[in-house]
Amino acid sequence: MKALKLAALGLVAAKSASAGAVTFVAPAVVAIEEPARMGGSGAWLIPLIIAAVILLAVTKK
């Protein structure tokens, strides 16, 4: 009976020793930063070209 109690005590001690950390530590959040744009994107050229084509089509004689 004594050996059974010692074995149970050993299992409980081993289980709590290998349980790990008690508190949860959240991992650090990595912020991804978008690179800064140099100058304009050139997106204004497309509407300008469309307006020029429409203007040329309307004023053509």
C-alpha atoms as a PDB file:
ATOM      1  CA  MET A   1       0.000   0.000   0.000  1.00  0.00           C
ATOM      2  CA  LYS A   2       2.900   2.290   0.809  1.00  0.00           C
ATOM      3  CA  ALA A   3       4.386   1.734  -2.648  1.00  0.00           C
ATOM      4  CA  LEU A   4       1.052   2.565  -4.287  1.00  0.00           C
ATOM      5  CA  LYS A   5       0.845   5.884  -2.415  1.00  0.00           C
ATOM      6  CA  LEU A   6       4.423   6.746  -3.369  1.00  0.00           C
ATOM      7  CA  ALA A   7       3.735   5.891  -7.018  1.00  0.00           C
ATOM      8  CA  ALA A   8       0.611   8.071  -7.046  1.00  0.00           C
ATOM      9  CA  LEU A   9       2.509  10.917  -5.378  1.00  0.00           C
ATOM     10  CA  GLY A  10       5.284  10.560  -7.953  1.00  0.00           C
ATOM     11  CA  LEU A  11       2.791  10.726 -10.832  1.00  0.00           C
ATOM     12  CA  VAL A  12       1.139  13.846  -9.419  1.00  0.00           C
ATOM     13  CA  ALA A  13       4.503  15.527  -8.867  1.00  0.00           C
ATOM     14  CA  ALA A  14       5.692  14.658 -12.372  1.00  0.00           C
ATOM     15  CA  LYS A  15       2.456  15.878 -13.917  1.00  0.00           C
ATOM     16  CA  SER A  16       2.592  19.298 -12.234  1.00  0.00           C
ATOM     17  CA  ALA A  17       6.316  19.657 -12.905  1.00  0.00           C
ATOM     18  CA  SER A  18       5.833  19.202 -16.650  1.00  0.00           C
ATOM     19  CA  ALA A  19       2.656  21.300 -16.921  1.00  0.00           C
ATOM     20  CA  GLY A  20       4.466  24.369 -18.211  1.00  0.00           C
ATOM     21  CA  ALA A  21       3.809  28.046 -17.501  1.00  0.00           C
ATOM     22  CA  VAL A  22       0.723  28.997 -15.533  1.00  0.00           C
ATOM     23  CA  THR A  23       0.199  32.370 -17.197  1.00  0.00           C
ATOM     24  CA  PHE A  24      -0.360  32.964 -20.895  1.00  0.00           C
ATOM     25  CA  VAL A  25       2.101  35.323 -22.557  1.00  0.00           C
ATOM     26  CA  ALA A  26       0.747  36.707 -25.816  1.00  0.00           C
ATOM     27  CA  PRO A  27       3.203  36.858 -28.721  1.00  0.00           C
ATOM     28  CA  ALA A  28       4.326  40.278 -29.876  1.00  0.00           C
ATOM     29  CA  VAL A  29       2.385  41.715 -32.807  1.00  0.00           C
ATOM     30  CA  VAL A  30       4.528  42.526 -35.813  1.00  0.00           C
ATOM     31  CA  ALA A  31       3.454  45.717 -37.575  1.00  0.00           C
ATOM     32  CA  ILE A  32       3.930  45.670 -41.338  1.00  0.00           C
ATOM     33  CA  GLU A  33       4.625  49.146 -42.605  1.00  0.00           C
ATOM     34  CA  GLU A  34       3.809  50.083 -46.190  1.00  0.00           C
ATOM     35  CA  PRO A  35       6.763  51.687 -47.968  1.00  0.00           C
ATOM     36  CA  ALA A  36       6.403  55.392 -48.701  1.00  0.00           C
ATOM     37  CA  ARG A  37       5.728  56.278 -52.322  1.00  0.00           C
ATOM     38  CA  MET A  38       8.103  58.586 -54.070  1.00  0.00           C
ATOM     39  CA  GLY A  39       6.273  61.139 -56.219  1.00  0.00           C
ATOM     40  CA  GLY A  40       2.906  60.568 -57.897  1.00  0.00           C
ATOM     41  CA  SER A  41       1.494  57.286 -59.043  1.00  0.00           C
ATOM     42  CA  GLY A  42       0.589  58.482 -62.524  1.00  0.00           C
ATOM     43  CA  ALA A  43      -3.073  57.492 -62.084  1.00  0.00           C
ATOM     44  CA  TRP A  44      -4.135  60.954 -63.259  1.00  0.00           C
ATOM     45  CA  LEU A  45      -2.866  60.192 -66.775  1.00  0.00           C
ATOM     46  CA  ILE A  46      -5.647  57.721 -67.616  1.00  0.00           C
ATOM     47  CA  PRO A  47      -8.564  60.149 -67.078  1.00  0.00           C
ATOM     48  CA  LEU A  48      -6.595  62.839 -68.918  1.00  0.00           C
ATOM     49  CA  ILE A  49      -6.110  60.573 -71.938  1.00  0.00           C
ATOM     50  CA  ILE A  50      -9.784  59.549 -71.917  1.00  0.00           C
ATOM     51  CA  ALA A  51     -10.880  63.190 -71.758  1.00  0.00           C
ATOM     52  CA  ALA A  52      -8.528  64.080 -74.626  1.00  0.00           C
ATOM     53  CA  VAL A  53      -9.871  61.235 -76.816  1.00  0.00           C
ATOM     54  CA  ILE A  54     -13.470  62.241 -76.123  1.00  0.00           C
ATOM     55  CA  LEU A  55     -12.646  65.893 -76.845  1.00  0.00           C
ATOM     56  CA  LEU A  56     -10.969  64.985 -80.132  1.00  0.00           C
ATOM     57  CA  ALA A  57     -13.891  62.746 -81.123  1.00  0.00           C
ATOM     58  CA  VAL A  58     -16.478  65.438 -80.398  1.00  0.00           C
ATOM     59  CA  THR A  59     -14.631  68.338 -82.067  1.00  0.00           C
ATOM     60  CA  LYS A  60     -13.581  66.414 -85.184  1.00  0.00           C
ATOM     61  CA  LYS A  61     -15.164  67.869 -88.322  1.00  0.00           C
END
